[in-house]
PDB file of N, CA and C in Angstrom:
ATOM      1  N   UNK A   1     -50.677  -2.412  43.994  1.00  0.00           N
ATOM      2  CA  UNK A   1     -50.705  -1.399  45.028  1.00  0.00           C
ATOM      3  C   UNK A   1     -49.307  -0.814  45.202  1.00  0.00           C
ATOM      4  N   UNK A   2     -49.268   0.374  45.627  1.00  0.00           N
ATOM      5  CA  UNK A   2     -47.976   1.013  45.829  1.00  0.00           C
ATOM      6  C   UNK A   2     -47.397   0.662  47.186  1.00  0.00           C
ATOM      7  N   UNK A   3     -46.120   0.947  47.329  1.00  0.00           N
ATOM      8  CA  UNK A   3     -45.418   0.610  48.573  1.00  0.00           C
ATOM      9  C   UNK A   3     -45.997   1.362  49.770  1.00  0.00           C
ATOM     10  N   UNK A   4     -46.437   2.588  49.566  1.00  0.00           N
ATOM     11  CA  UNK A   4     -46.996   3.375  50.666  1.00  0.00           C
ATOM     12  C   UNK A   4     -48.295   2.764  51.174  1.00  0.00           C
ATOM     13  N   UNK A   5     -49.100   2.232  50.314  1.00  0.00           N
ATOM     14  CA  UNK A   5     -50.364   1.642  50.732  1.00  0.00           C
ATOM     15  C   UNK A   5     -50.129   0.299  51.419  1.00  0.00           C
ATOM     16  N   UNK A   6     -49.121  -0.454  50.967  1.00  0.00           N
ATOM     17  CA  UNK A   6     -48.847  -1.759  51.562  1.00  0.00           C
ATOM     18  C   UNK A   6     -48.282  -1.589  52.965  1.00  0.00           C
ATOM     19  N   UNK A   7     -47.352  -0.679  53.155  1.00  0.00           N
ATOM     20  CA  UNK A   7     -46.665  -0.535  54.438  1.00  0.00           C
ATOM     21  C   UNK A   7     -47.374   0.456  55.367  1.00  0.00           C
ATOM     22  N   UNK A   8     -48.465   0.996  54.951  1.00  0.00           N
ATOM     23  CA  UNK A   8     -49.242   1.949  55.760  1.00  0.00           C
ATOM     24  C   UNK A   8     -48.406   3.156  56.175  1.00  0.00           C
ATOM     25  N   UNK A   9     -47.606   3.631  55.245  1.00  0.00           N
ATOM     26  CA  UNK A   9     -46.793   4.819  55.508  1.00  0.00           C
ATOM     27  C   UNK A   9     -47.416   5.999  54.777  1.00  0.00           C
ATOM     28  N   UNK A  10     -47.155   7.187  55.267  1.00  0.00           N
ATOM     29  CA  UNK A  10     -47.695   8.339  54.549  1.00  0.00           C
ATOM     30  C   UNK A  10     -46.966   8.529  53.224  1.00  0.00           C
ATOM     31  N   UNK A  11     -47.640   8.965  52.263  1.00  0.00           N
ATOM     32  CA  UNK A  11     -47.077   9.205  50.948  1.00  0.00           C
ATOM     33  C   UNK A  11     -48.154   9.065  49.897  1.00  0.00           C
ATOM     34  N   UNK A  12     -47.761   8.997  48.681  1.00  0.00           N
ATOM     35  CA  UNK A  12     -48.736   8.868  47.617  1.00  0.00           C
ATOM     36  C   UNK A  12     -49.262   7.435  47.593  1.00  0.00           C
ATOM     37  N   UNK A  13     -50.535   7.300  47.439  1.00  0.00           N
ATOM     38  CA  UNK A  13     -51.158   5.987  47.356  1.00  0.00           C
ATOM     39  C   UNK A  13     -51.136   5.501  45.923  1.00  0.00           C
ATOM     40  N   UNK A  14     -51.232   6.403  44.972  1.00  0.00           N
ATOM     41  CA  UNK A  14     -51.303   6.020  43.570  1.00  0.00           C
ATOM     42  C   UNK A  14     -50.468   6.987  42.736  1.00  0.00           C
ATOM     43  N   UNK A  15     -50.238   6.582  41.543  1.00  0.00           N
ATOM     44  CA  UNK A  15     -49.503   7.437  40.608  1.00  0.00           C
ATOM     45  C   UNK A  15     -50.346   8.653  40.257  1.00  0.00           C
ATOM     46  N   UNK A  16     -51.671   8.513  40.377  1.00  0.00           N
ATOM     47  CA  UNK A  16     -52.559   9.618  40.032  1.00  0.00           C
ATOM     48  C   UNK A  16     -52.428  10.772  41.022  1.00  0.00           C
ATOM     49  N   UNK A  17     -51.829  10.523  42.183  1.00  0.00           N
ATOM     50  CA  UNK A  17     -51.632  11.585  43.171  1.00  0.00           C
ATOM     51  C   UNK A  17     -50.433  12.474  42.847  1.00  0.00           C
ATOM     52  N   UNK A  18     -49.633  12.067  41.888  1.00  0.00           N
ATOM     53  CA  UNK A  18     -48.448  12.851  41.532  1.00  0.00           C
ATOM     54  C   UNK A  18     -48.856  14.133  40.831  1.00  0.00           C
ATOM     55  N   UNK A  19     -48.141  15.214  41.104  1.00  0.00           N
ATOM     56  CA  UNK A  19     -48.462  16.448  40.384  1.00  0.00           C
ATOM     57  C   UNK A  19     -48.046  16.333  38.916  1.00  0.00           C
ATOM     58  N   UNK A  20     -48.778  16.987  38.056  1.00  0.00           N
ATOM     59  CA  UNK A  20     -48.494  16.937  36.629  1.00  0.00           C
ATOM     60  C   UNK A  20     -47.406  17.961  36.335  1.00  0.00           C
ATOM     61  N   UNK A  21     -46.286  17.475  35.867  1.00  0.00           N
ATOM     62  CA  UNK A  21     -45.172  18.345  35.536  1.00  0.00           C
ATOM     63  C   UNK A  21     -44.510  17.773  34.294  1.00  0.00           C
ATOM     64  N   UNK A  22     -44.455  18.556  33.262  1.00  0.00           N
ATOM     65  CA  UNK A  22     -43.870  18.078  32.015  1.00  0.00           C
ATOM     66  C   UNK A  22     -42.515  18.737  31.815  1.00  0.00           C
ATOM     67  N   UNK A  23     -41.519  17.895  31.538  1.00  0.00           N
ATOM     68  CA  UNK A  23     -40.187  18.423  31.257  1.00  0.00           C
ATOM     69  C   UNK A  23     -40.137  18.943  29.835  1.00  0.00           C
ATOM     70  N   UNK A  24     -39.332  19.919  29.638  1.00  0.00           N
ATOM     71  CA  UNK A  24     -39.152  20.459  28.298  1.00  0.00           C
ATOM     72  C   UNK A  24     -37.802  21.134  28.212  1.00  0.00           C
ATOM     73  N   UNK A  25     -37.445  21.626  27.043  1.00  0.00           N
ATOM     74  CA  UNK A  25     -36.155  22.309  26.909  1.00  0.00           C
ATOM     75  C   UNK A  25     -36.191  23.648  27.636  1.00  0.00           C
ATOM     76  N   UNK A  26     -35.037  24.119  28.046  1.00  0.00           N
ATOM     77  CA  UNK A  26     -35.018  25.415  28.721  1.00  0.00           C
ATOM     78  C   UNK A  26     -35.362  26.538  27.755  1.00  0.00           C
ATOM     79  N   UNK A  27     -35.709  27.648  28.295  1.00  0.00           N
ATOM     80  CA  UNK A  27     -36.033  28.800  27.450  1.00  0.00           C
ATOM     81  C   UNK A  27     -34.808  29.198  26.643  1.00  0.00           C
ATOM     82  N   UNK A  28     -34.965  29.347  25.375  1.00  0.00           N
ATOM     83  CA  UNK A  28     -33.851  29.708  24.508  1.00  0.00           C
ATOM     84  C   UNK A  28     -33.153  28.493  23.920  1.00  0.00           C
ATOM     85  N   UNK A  29     -33.551  27.301  24.354  1.00  0.00           N
ATOM     86  CA  UNK A  29     -32.979  26.076  23.791  1.00  0.00           C
ATOM     87  C   UNK A  29     -31.694  25.659  24.491  1.00  0.00           C
ATOM     88  N   UNK A  30     -31.235  24.483  24.126  1.00  0.00           N
ATOM     89  CA  UNK A  30     -30.005  23.943  24.690  1.00  0.00           C
ATOM     90  C   UNK A  30     -28.796  24.540  23.990  1.00  0.00           C
ATOM     91  N   UNK A  31     -27.663  24.476  24.648  1.00  0.00           N
ATOM     92  CA  UNK A  31     -26.414  24.947  24.046  1.00  0.00           C
ATOM     93  C   UNK A  31     -26.024  23.990  22.923  1.00  0.00           C
ATOM     94  N   UNK A  32     -25.372  24.471  21.879  1.00  0.00           N
ATOM     95  CA  UNK A  32     -24.972  23.581  20.779  1.00  0.00           C
ATOM     96  C   UNK A  32     -23.961  22.535  21.249  1.00  0.00           C
ATOM     97  N   UNK A  33     -24.056  21.364  20.657  1.00  0.00           N
ATOM     98  CA  UNK A  33     -23.173  20.260  21.003  1.00  0.00           C
ATOM     99  C   UNK A  33     -22.022  20.226  20.013  1.00  0.00           C
ATOM    100  N   UNK A  34     -20.791  20.179  20.517  1.00  0.00           N
ATOM    101  CA  UNK A  34     -19.624  20.092  19.629  1.00  0.00           C
ATOM    102  C   UNK A  34     -19.388  18.628  19.299  1.00  0.00           C
ATOM    103  N   UNK A  35     -19.640  18.254  18.073  1.00  0.00           N
ATOM    104  CA  UNK A  35     -19.505  16.867  17.663  1.00  0.00           C
ATOM    105  C   UNK A  35     -18.373  16.642  16.671  1.00  0.00           C
ATOM    106  N   UNK A  36     -17.728  17.679  16.210  1.00  0.00           N
ATOM    107  CA  UNK A  36     -16.658  17.535  15.221  1.00  0.00           C
ATOM    108  C   UNK A  36     -15.432  16.896  15.867  1.00  0.00           C
ATOM    109  N   UNK A  37     -14.782  16.008  15.115  1.00  0.00           N
ATOM    110  CA  UNK A  37     -13.557  15.383  15.612  1.00  0.00           C
ATOM    111  C   UNK A  37     -12.390  16.314  15.324  1.00  0.00           C
ATOM    112  N   UNK A  38     -11.691  16.663  16.350  1.00  0.00           N
ATOM    113  CA  UNK A  38     -10.529  17.532  16.175  1.00  0.00           C
ATOM    114  C   UNK A  38      -9.276  16.699  16.372  1.00  0.00           C
ATOM    115  N   UNK A  39      -8.805  16.139  15.261  1.00  0.00           N
ATOM    116  CA  UNK A  39      -7.635  15.273  15.290  1.00  0.00           C
ATOM    117  C   UNK A  39      -6.413  16.097  14.900  1.00  0.00           C
ATOM    118  N   UNK A  40      -5.345  16.036  15.660  1.00  0.00           N
ATOM    119  CA  UNK A  40      -4.158  16.809  15.294  1.00  0.00           C
ATOM    120  C   UNK A  40      -3.522  16.257  14.014  1.00  0.00           C
ATOM    121  N   UNK A  41      -2.925  17.142  13.251  1.00  0.00           N
ATOM    122  CA  UNK A  41      -2.291  16.736  11.998  1.00  0.00           C
ATOM    123  C   UNK A  41      -0.819  16.457  12.265  1.00  0.00           C
ATOM    124  N   UNK A  42      -0.524  15.258  12.710  1.00  0.00           N
ATOM    125  CA  UNK A  42       0.859  14.854  12.947  1.00  0.00           C
ATOM    126  C   UNK A  42       1.242  13.831  11.900  1.00  0.00           C
ATOM    127  N   UNK A  43       2.501  13.817  11.536  1.00  0.00           N
ATOM    128  CA  UNK A  43       2.988  12.825  10.597  1.00  0.00           C
ATOM    129  C   UNK A  43       2.802  13.249   9.151  1.00  0.00           C
ATOM    130  N   UNK A  44       3.182  12.358   8.223  1.00  0.00           N
ATOM    131  CA  UNK A  44       3.097  12.695   6.799  1.00  0.00           C
ATOM    132  C   UNK A  44       1.646  12.703   6.313  1.00  0.00           C
ATOM    133  N   UNK A  45       1.423  13.443   5.251  1.00  0.00           N
ATOM    134  CA  UNK A  45       0.078  13.503   4.682  1.00  0.00           C
ATOM    135  C   UNK A  45      -0.197  12.240   3.868  1.00  0.00           C
ATOM    136  N   UNK A  46      -1.430  12.084   3.459  1.00  0.00           N
ATOM    137  CA  UNK A  46      -1.822  10.920   2.669  1.00  0.00           C
ATOM    138  C   UNK A  46      -1.122  10.926   1.306  1.00  0.00           C
ATOM    139  N   UNK A  47      -0.935  12.098   0.731  1.00  0.00           N
ATOM    140  CA  UNK A  47      -0.265  12.194  -0.568  1.00  0.00           C
ATOM    141  C   UNK A  47       1.195  11.762  -0.441  1.00  0.00           C
ATOM    142  N   UNK A  48       1.849  12.174   0.626  1.00  0.00           N
ATOM    143  CA  UNK A  48       3.250  11.795   0.831  1.00  0.00           C
ATOM    144  C   UNK A  48       3.385  10.291   1.013  1.00  0.00           C
ATOM    145  N   UNK A  49       2.476   9.694   1.776  1.00  0.00           N
ATOM    146  CA  UNK A  49       2.527   8.235   1.962  1.00  0.00           C
ATOM    147  C   UNK A  49       2.249   7.505   0.648  1.00  0.00           C
ATOM    148  N   UNK A  50       1.282   8.009  -0.135  1.00  0.00           N
ATOM    149  CA  UNK A  50       0.981   7.383  -1.425  1.00  0.00           C
ATOM    150  C   UNK A  50       2.184   7.450  -2.356  1.00  0.00           C
ATOM    151  N   UNK A  51       2.855   8.599  -2.404  1.00  0.00           N
ATOM    152  CA  UNK A  51       4.019   8.729  -3.277  1.00  0.00           C
ATOM    153  C   UNK A  51       5.171   7.839  -2.809  1.00  0.00           C
ATOM    154  N   UNK A  52       5.339   7.694  -1.497  1.00  0.00           N
ATOM    155  CA  UNK A  52       6.395   6.820  -0.982  1.00  0.00           C
ATOM    156  C   UNK A  52       6.119   5.360  -1.344  1.00  0.00           C
ATOM    157  N   UNK A  53       4.877   4.928  -1.210  1.00  0.00           N
ATOM    158  CA  UNK A  53       4.525   3.547  -1.565  1.00  0.00           C
ATOM    159  C   UNK A  53       4.653   3.343  -3.065  1.00  0.00           C
ATOM    160  N   UNK A  54       4.231   4.319  -3.849  1.00  0.00           N
ATOM    161  CA  UNK A  54       4.358   4.215  -5.309  1.00  0.00           C
ATOM    162  C   UNK A  54       5.821   4.128  -5.717  1.00  0.00           C
ATOM    163  N   UNK A  55       6.685   4.920  -5.079  1.00  0.00           N
ATOM    164  CA  UNK A  55       8.113   4.861  -5.393  1.00  0.00           C
ATOM    165  C   UNK A  55       8.726   3.519  -5.023  1.00  0.00           C
ATOM    166  N   UNK A  56       8.366   2.984  -3.852  1.00  0.00           N
ATOM    167  CA  UNK A  56       8.884   1.678  -3.438  1.00  0.00           C
ATOM    168  C   UNK A  56       8.393   0.580  -4.372  1.00  0.00           C
ATOM    169  N   UNK A  57       7.130   0.663  -4.781  1.00  0.00           N
ATOM    170  CA  UNK A  57       6.583  -0.329  -5.702  1.00  0.00           C
ATOM    171  C   UNK A  57       7.282  -0.251  -7.056  1.00  0.00           C
ATOM    172  N   UNK A  58       7.502   0.973  -7.554  1.00  0.00           N
ATOM    173  CA  UNK A  58       8.165   1.137  -8.851  1.00  0.00           C
ATOM    174  C   UNK A  58       9.592   0.594  -8.815  1.00  0.00           C
ATOM    175  N   UNK A  59      10.320   0.900  -7.737  1.00  0.00           N
ATOM    176  CA  UNK A  59      11.686   0.397  -7.611  1.00  0.00           C
ATOM    177  C   UNK A  59      11.703  -1.126  -7.542  1.00  0.00           C
ATOM    178  N   UNK A  60      10.767  -1.706  -6.813  1.00  0.00           N
ATOM    179  CA  UNK A  60      10.687  -3.164  -6.717  1.00  0.00           C
ATOM    180  C   UNK A  60      10.381  -3.811  -8.053  1.00  0.00           C
ATOM    181  N   UNK A  61       9.473  -3.217  -8.819  1.00  0.00           N
ATOM    182  CA  UNK A  61       9.152  -3.782 -10.136  1.00  0.00           C
ATOM    183  C   UNK A  61      10.338  -3.634 -11.096  1.00  0.00           C
ATOM    184  N   UNK A  62      11.102  -2.552 -10.955  1.00  0.00           N
ATOM    185  CA  UNK A  62      12.307  -2.399 -11.764  1.00  0.00           C
ATOM    186  C   UNK A  62      13.297  -3.521 -11.449  1.00  0.00           C
ATOM    187  N   UNK A  63      13.461  -3.814 -10.152  1.00  0.00           N
ATOM    188  CA  UNK A  63      14.367  -4.890  -9.754  1.00  0.00           C
ATOM    189  C   UNK A  63      13.882  -6.244 -10.256  1.00  0.00           C
ATOM    190  N   UNK A  64      12.577  -6.467 -10.253  1.00  0.00           N
ATOM    191  CA  UNK A  64      12.024  -7.720 -10.792  1.00  0.00           C
ATOM    192  C   UNK A  64      12.330  -7.814 -12.281  1.00  0.00           C
ATOM    193  N   UNK A  65      12.176  -6.707 -12.994  1.00  0.00           N
ATOM    194  CA  UNK A  65      12.479  -6.711 -14.429  1.00  0.00           C
ATOM    195  C   UNK A  65      13.949  -7.008 -14.699  1.00  0.00           C
ATOM    196  N   UNK A  66      14.831  -6.435 -13.896  1.00  0.00           N
ATOM    197  CA  UNK A  66      16.258  -6.711 -14.072  1.00  0.00           C
ATOM    198  C   UNK A  66      16.563  -8.181 -13.788  1.00  0.00           C
ATOM    199  N   UNK A  67      15.939  -8.727 -12.761  1.00  0.00           N
ATOM    200  CA  UNK A  67      16.134 -10.144 -12.454  1.00  0.00           C
ATOM    201  C   UNK A  67      15.599 -11.044 -13.553  1.00  0.00           C
ATOM    202  N   UNK A  68      14.486 -10.663 -14.159  1.00  0.00           N
ATOM    203  CA  UNK A  68      13.930 -11.448 -15.262  1.00  0.00           C
ATOM    204  C   UNK A  68      14.860 -11.431 -16.470  1.00  0.00           C
ATOM    205  N   UNK A  69      15.472 -10.279 -16.735  1.00  0.00           N
ATOM    206  CA  UNK A  69      16.416 -10.212 -17.858  1.00  0.00           C
ATOM    207  C   UNK A  69      17.610 -11.127 -17.611  1.00  0.00           C
ATOM    208  N   UNK A  70      18.128 -11.100 -16.391  1.00  0.00           N
ATOM    209  CA  UNK A  70      19.283 -11.948 -16.076  1.00  0.00           C
ATOM    210  C   UNK A  70      18.890 -13.415 -16.149  1.00  0.00           C
ATOM    211  N   UNK A  71      17.720 -13.756 -15.646  1.00  0.00           N
ATOM    212  CA  UNK A  71      17.272 -15.145 -15.675  1.00  0.00           C
ATOM    213  C   UNK A  71      17.021 -15.617 -17.101  1.00  0.00           C
ATOM    214  N   UNK A  72      16.554 -14.729 -17.958  1.00  0.00           N
ATOM    215  CA  UNK A  72      16.218 -15.119 -19.329  1.00  0.00           C
ATOM    216  C   UNK A  72      17.461 -15.248 -20.204  1.00  0.00           C
ATOM    217  N   UNK A  73      18.380 -14.290 -20.072  1.00  0.00           N
ATOM    218  CA  UNK A  73      19.517 -14.256 -20.984  1.00  0.00           C
ATOM    219  C   UNK A  73      20.817 -14.729 -20.335  1.00  0.00           C
ATOM    220  N   UNK A  74      20.850 -14.940 -19.043  1.00  0.00           N
ATOM    221  CA  UNK A  74      22.070 -15.394 -18.374  1.00  0.00           C
ATOM    222  C   UNK A  74      22.946 -14.239 -17.965  1.00  0.00           C
ATOM    223  N   UNK A  75      23.851 -14.512 -17.031  1.00  0.00           N
ATOM    224  CA  UNK A  75      24.716 -13.458 -16.514  1.00  0.00           C
ATOM    225  C   UNK A  75      25.884 -13.154 -17.440  1.00  0.00           C
ATOM    226  N   UNK A  76      26.398 -14.153 -18.147  1.00  0.00           N
ATOM    227  CA  UNK A  76      27.608 -13.947 -18.929  1.00  0.00           C
ATOM    228  C   UNK A  76      27.334 -13.270 -20.258  1.00  0.00           C
ATOM    229  N   UNK A  77      26.222 -13.569 -20.891  1.00  0.00           N
ATOM    230  CA  UNK A  77      25.965 -12.964 -22.209  1.00  0.00           C
ATOM    231  C   UNK A  77      25.476 -11.540 -22.028  1.00  0.00           C
ATOM    232  N   UNK A  78      25.745 -10.735 -23.048  1.00  0.00           N
ATOM    233  CA  UNK A  78      25.304  -9.348 -22.979  1.00  0.00           C
ATOM    234  C   UNK A  78      23.795  -9.291 -23.238  1.00  0.00           C
ATOM    235  N   UNK A  79      23.157  -8.340 -22.636  1.00  0.00           N
ATOM    236  CA  UNK A  79      21.723  -8.203 -22.810  1.00  0.00           C
ATOM    237  C   UNK A  79      21.437  -7.702 -24.219  1.00  0.00           C
ATOM    238  N   UNK A  80      20.423  -8.226 -24.876  1.00  0.00           N
ATOM    239  CA  UNK A  80      20.123  -7.803 -26.246  1.00  0.00           C
ATOM    240  C   UNK A  80      19.592  -6.372 -26.284  1.00  0.00           C
ATOM    241  N   UNK A  81      19.712  -5.776 -27.446  1.00  0.00           N
ATOM    242  CA  UNK A  81      19.222  -4.411 -27.604  1.00  0.00           C
ATOM    243  C   UNK A  81      17.694  -4.429 -27.675  1.00  0.00           C
ATOM    244  N   UNK A  82      17.138  -3.256 -27.707  1.00  0.00           N
ATOM    245  CA  UNK A  82      15.680  -3.139 -27.735  1.00  0.00           C
ATOM    246  C   UNK A  82      15.128  -3.693 -29.034  1.00  0.00           C
ATOM    247  N   UNK A  83      15.815  -3.453 -30.148  1.00  0.00           N
ATOM    248  CA  UNK A  83      15.310  -3.939 -31.441  1.00  0.00           C
ATOM    249  C   UNK A  83      15.367  -5.457 -31.507  1.00  0.00           C
ATOM    250  N   UNK A  84      16.426  -6.052 -30.952  1.00  0.00           N
ATOM    251  CA  UNK A  84      16.526  -7.508 -30.950  1.00  0.00           C
ATOM    252  C   UNK A  84      15.412  -8.112 -30.099  1.00  0.00           C
ATOM    253  N   UNK A  85      15.127  -7.511 -28.976  1.00  0.00           N
ATOM    254  CA  UNK A  85      14.052  -7.988 -28.115  1.00  0.00           C
ATOM    255  C   UNK A  85      12.713  -7.870 -28.820  1.00  0.00           C
ATOM    256  N   UNK A  86      12.482  -6.761 -29.533  1.00  0.00           N
ATOM    257  CA  UNK A  86      11.217  -6.565 -30.243  1.00  0.00           C
ATOM    258  C   UNK A  86      11.074  -7.585 -31.363  1.00  0.00           C
ATOM    259  N   UNK A  87      12.155  -7.879 -32.081  1.00  0.00           N
ATOM    260  CA  UNK A  87      12.097  -8.861 -33.173  1.00  0.00           C
ATOM    261  C   UNK A  87      11.814 -10.241 -32.594  1.00  0.00           C
ATOM    262  N   UNK A  88      12.470 -10.617 -31.485  1.00  0.00           N
ATOM    263  CA  UNK A  88      12.224 -11.926 -30.866  1.00  0.00           C
ATOM    264  C   UNK A  88      10.792 -12.042 -30.397  1.00  0.00           C
ATOM    265  N   UNK A  89      10.236 -10.958 -29.889  1.00  0.00           N
ATOM    266  CA  UNK A  89       8.858 -10.977 -29.435  1.00  0.00           C
ATOM    267  C   UNK A  89       7.912 -11.176 -30.619  1.00  0.00           C
ATOM    268  N   UNK A  90       8.193 -10.455 -31.708  1.00  0.00           N
ATOM    269  CA  UNK A  90       7.319 -10.585 -32.882  1.00  0.00           C
ATOM    270  C   UNK A  90       7.398 -11.990 -33.478  1.00  0.00           C
ATOM    271  N   UNK A  91       8.592 -12.586 -33.496  1.00  0.00           N
ATOM    272  CA  UNK A  91       8.726 -13.949 -34.040  1.00  0.00           C
ATOM    273  C   UNK A  91       7.925 -14.915 -33.179  1.00  0.00           C
ATOM    274  N   UNK A  92       7.997 -14.780 -31.901  1.00  0.00           N
ATOM    275  CA  UNK A  92       7.237 -15.675 -31.013  1.00  0.00           C
ATOM    276  C   UNK A  92       5.730 -15.412 -31.144  1.00  0.00           C
ATOM    277  N   UNK A  93       5.348 -14.159 -31.317  1.00  0.00           N
ATOM    278  CA  UNK A  93       3.937 -13.826 -31.415  1.00  0.00           C
ATOM    279  C   UNK A  93       3.319 -14.356 -32.710  1.00  0.00           C
ATOM    280  N   UNK A  94       4.088 -14.273 -33.816  1.00  0.00           N
ATOM    281  CA  UNK A  94       3.559 -14.700 -35.108  1.00  0.00           C
ATOM    282  C   UNK A  94       3.522 -16.228 -35.176  1.00  0.00           C
ATOM    283  N   UNK A  95       4.537 -16.889 -34.665  1.00  0.00           N
ATOM    284  CA  UNK A  95       4.588 -18.351 -34.811  1.00  0.00           C
ATOM    285  C   UNK A  95       3.829 -19.086 -33.725  1.00  0.00           C
TER     286      UNK A  95
END
C-alpha cells in the first residue's frame, strides 16, 4: 500500500493514478557534448625527449666502451690499433 492510503492523507492511492508522461529529448535534439581533451602543449615534444635519451644512452655506452678498453689493456700500455684488435679477435674465434 502507498503512504497516502496508510496515513489516510489525500493524494494518490496507487501508482496507477499517476498521469502518463513520457520523457524524451527536446525538439531539435540535445546540444553536442564536447568530449575532446584540450591539453596545452607545454614542454619539449616527444621527439626531443627521445633524441635526448638516445644521446645520453649513446654517450654512456661510449664511456663503457672506453672503460672496457682500459680494463682490458691497462692504463700504461698503448691501445692497440684496429687491425691488431681484429686479428686478436679472429685468433680467439678460430681457436
